């Protein structure tokens, strides 16, 4: 009945993607730099790798770096879509159980979300703590049928 929430995978994919993209970009830059130097014959006498395949080796390095960069970008794109999917699941699960209009998440603490909840009549309940079971079922301990408490002035 409720969509399960996967909160970790998009976050892990985001950080792995950033790490791979940065590493891939560095390897591509180094490979292009090596290729440029080899083509200009700047390292003919004192090159660490002066073999006949050094240009081909620099191209292989560039291609390998580009592959890592593509994998990193793909992981970042996956994390963006995964993040949107669990935000939609949170909205759908809370709406299915409590009939709310919208859920604006503020802060996650483990499996609990601190959020502002808007009811269909336009009433906004601020700082509502919503906990989620493993099945995705939301639990709200606050009574949403009562008007929200007004701060004392």
Protein backbone atom coordinates (compact mmCIF):
# COMPACT_ATOMS: atom_id res chain seq x y z
CA UNK A 1 0.00 0.00 0.00
CA UNK A 2 2.83 2.40 0.82
CA UNK A 3 5.86 2.89 -1.37
CA UNK A 4 9.06 1.87 0.39
CA UNK A 5 11.62 4.65 0.88
CA UNK A 6 15.24 4.22 -0.15
CA UNK A 7 16.98 7.17 1.47
CA UNK A 8 20.56 5.89 1.34
CA UNK A 9 21.12 4.83 -2.26
CA UNK A 10 20.69 8.28 -3.86
CA UNK A 11 22.96 9.86 -1.27
CA UNK A 12 25.67 7.21 -1.71
CA UNK A 13 25.35 7.46 -5.51
CA UNK A 14 25.73 11.24 -5.29
CA UNK A 15 28.99 11.10 -3.34
CA UNK A 16 30.43 8.23 -5.37
CA UNK A 17 29.48 10.10 -8.54
CA UNK A 18 31.19 13.27 -7.35
CA UNK A 19 34.31 11.32 -6.40
CA UNK A 20 34.45 9.49 -9.75
CA UNK A 21 33.74 12.65 -11.75
CA UNK A 22 36.55 14.56 -10.05
CA UNK A 23 38.98 11.66 -10.44
CA UNK A 24 37.98 11.14 -14.08
CA UNK A 25 38.38 14.82 -14.84
CA UNK A 26 41.87 14.82 -13.29
CA UNK A 27 42.92 11.75 -15.30
CA UNK A 28 41.56 13.24 -18.54
CA UNK A 29 43.43 16.49 -17.89
CA UNK A 30 46.65 14.61 -17.18
CA UNK A 31 46.29 12.45 -20.28
CA UNK A 32 45.68 15.48 -22.49
CA UNK A 33 48.67 17.25 -20.95
CA UNK A 34 50.90 14.21 -21.59
CA UNK A 35 49.66 13.89 -25.17
CA UNK A 36 50.37 17.56 -25.84
CA UNK A 37 53.91 17.27 -24.45
CA UNK A 38 54.64 14.09 -26.41
CA UNK A 39 53.38 15.59 -29.67
CA UNK A 40 55.55 18.66 -29.15
CA UNK A 41 58.58 16.37 -28.50
CA UNK A 42 59.37 18.18 -25.25
CA UNK A 43 60.28 14.95 -23.43
CA UNK A 44 62.42 13.20 -26.02
CA UNK A 45 65.62 12.91 -23.98
CA UNK A 46 64.44 12.92 -20.37
CA UNK A 47 61.00 11.33 -20.48
CA UNK A 48 60.15 8.76 -17.84
CA UNK A 49 58.24 6.85 -20.49
CA UNK A 50 60.08 7.36 -23.75
CA UNK A 51 58.84 4.24 -25.53
CA UNK A 52 57.45 4.27 -29.04
CA UNK A 53 53.86 3.85 -27.76
CA UNK A 54 53.87 6.87 -25.49
CA UNK A 55 51.33 8.82 -27.58
CA UNK A 56 49.03 5.81 -27.66
CA UNK A 57 49.50 5.41 -23.91
CA UNK A 58 48.49 9.04 -23.32
CA UNK A 59 45.38 8.51 -25.46
CA UNK A 60 44.52 5.35 -23.46
CA UNK A 61 44.85 7.36 -20.26
CA UNK A 62 42.54 10.04 -21.63
CA UNK A 63 39.95 7.46 -22.73
CA UNK A 64 40.09 5.69 -19.36
CA UNK A 65 39.64 9.00 -17.55
CA UNK A 66 36.71 9.88 -19.81
CA UNK A 67 35.12 6.52 -18.98
CA UNK A 68 35.44 7.16 -15.25
CA UNK A 69 34.06 10.67 -15.76
CA UNK A 70 31.03 9.28 -17.64
CA UNK A 71 30.37 6.73 -14.87
CA UNK A 72 30.59 9.52 -12.28
CA UNK A 73 28.17 11.74 -14.17
CA UNK A 74 25.80 8.78 -14.59
CA UNK A 75 25.88 8.18 -10.82
CA UNK A 76 25.10 11.85 -10.17
CA UNK A 77 22.17 11.75 -12.61
CA UNK A 78 20.93 8.54 -10.95
CA UNK A 79 21.08 10.24 -7.55
CA UNK A 80 19.03 13.20 -8.80
CA UNK A 81 16.28 10.92 -10.10
CA UNK A 82 16.47 8.71 -6.99
CA UNK A 83 16.16 11.76 -4.77
CA UNK A 84 13.08 12.91 -6.68
CA UNK A 85 11.58 9.41 -6.47
CA UNK A 86 11.81 9.20 -2.68
CA UNK A 87 10.50 12.75 -2.28
CA UNK A 88 7.48 11.76 -4.38
CA UNK A 89 7.10 8.58 -2.31
CA UNK A 90 7.13 10.62 0.93
CA UNK A 91 4.45 12.95 -0.46
CA UNK A 92 2.31 10.06 -1.73
CA UNK A 93 2.61 7.99 1.46
CA UNK A 94 1.71 10.86 3.80
CA UNK A 95 -1.13 11.97 1.51
CA UNK A 96 -2.50 8.42 1.34
CA UNK A 97 -2.57 7.99 5.11
CA UNK A 98 -3.39 11.49 6.37
CA UNK A 99 -4.98 13.22 3.38
CA UNK A 100 -2.56 16.12 3.34
CA UNK A 101 -2.10 18.46 0.39
CA UNK A 102 1.68 18.82 0.56
CA UNK A 103 4.71 17.93 2.65
CA UNK A 104 7.66 20.34 2.66
CA UNK A 105 10.59 18.51 4.21
CA UNK A 106 13.04 20.51 6.31
CA UNK A 107 15.41 18.04 7.94
CA UNK A 108 15.93 14.29 8.11
CA UNK A 109 17.01 12.51 11.29
CA UNK A 110 17.44 8.86 10.43
CA UNK A 111 14.00 7.67 9.32
CA UNK A 112 12.22 10.74 10.72
CA UNK A 113 11.40 13.85 8.71
CA UNK A 114 10.78 17.25 10.23
CA UNK A 115 8.38 18.95 7.80
CA UNK A 116 5.69 21.54 7.25
CA UNK A 117 2.42 19.87 6.34
CA UNK A 118 -0.34 21.65 4.42
CA UNK A 119 -3.88 20.36 4.77
CA UNK A 120 -6.48 20.50 1.95
CA UNK A 121 -8.20 23.49 3.62
CA UNK A 122 -4.93 25.45 3.49
CA UNK A 123 -3.98 25.03 7.16
CA UNK A 124 -0.23 24.70 7.58
CA UNK A 125 1.18 22.66 10.48
CA UNK A 126 4.80 23.60 11.01
CA UNK A 127 7.56 21.34 12.33
CA UNK A 128 5.61 18.10 12.19
CA UNK A 129 7.74 15.03 12.95
CA UNK A 130 6.94 12.20 10.53
CA UNK A 131 8.57 8.82 11.12
CA UNK A 132 8.57 6.12 8.45
CA UNK A 133 8.38 2.37 9.00
CA UNK A 134 10.40 -0.02 6.83
CA UNK A 135 7.30 -0.52 4.68
CA UNK A 136 7.13 3.23 4.00
CA UNK A 137 4.12 3.79 6.26
CA UNK A 138 4.28 7.27 7.83
CA UNK A 139 3.52 7.90 11.50
CA UNK A 140 2.56 11.36 12.78
CA UNK A 141 1.92 11.76 16.51
CA UNK A 142 0.48 15.29 16.26
CA UNK A 143 -3.27 15.71 15.77
CA UNK A 144 -3.66 17.31 12.33
CA UNK A 145 -7.41 17.83 12.73
CA UNK A 146 -6.89 20.61 15.27
CA UNK A 147 -5.76 24.09 14.19
CA UNK A 148 -2.03 24.62 14.63
CA UNK A 149 -0.81 26.24 17.81
CA UNK A 150 -0.03 29.92 17.50
CA UNK A 151 3.18 31.15 19.13
CA UNK A 152 2.68 33.37 22.16
CA UNK A 153 3.51 37.03 21.69
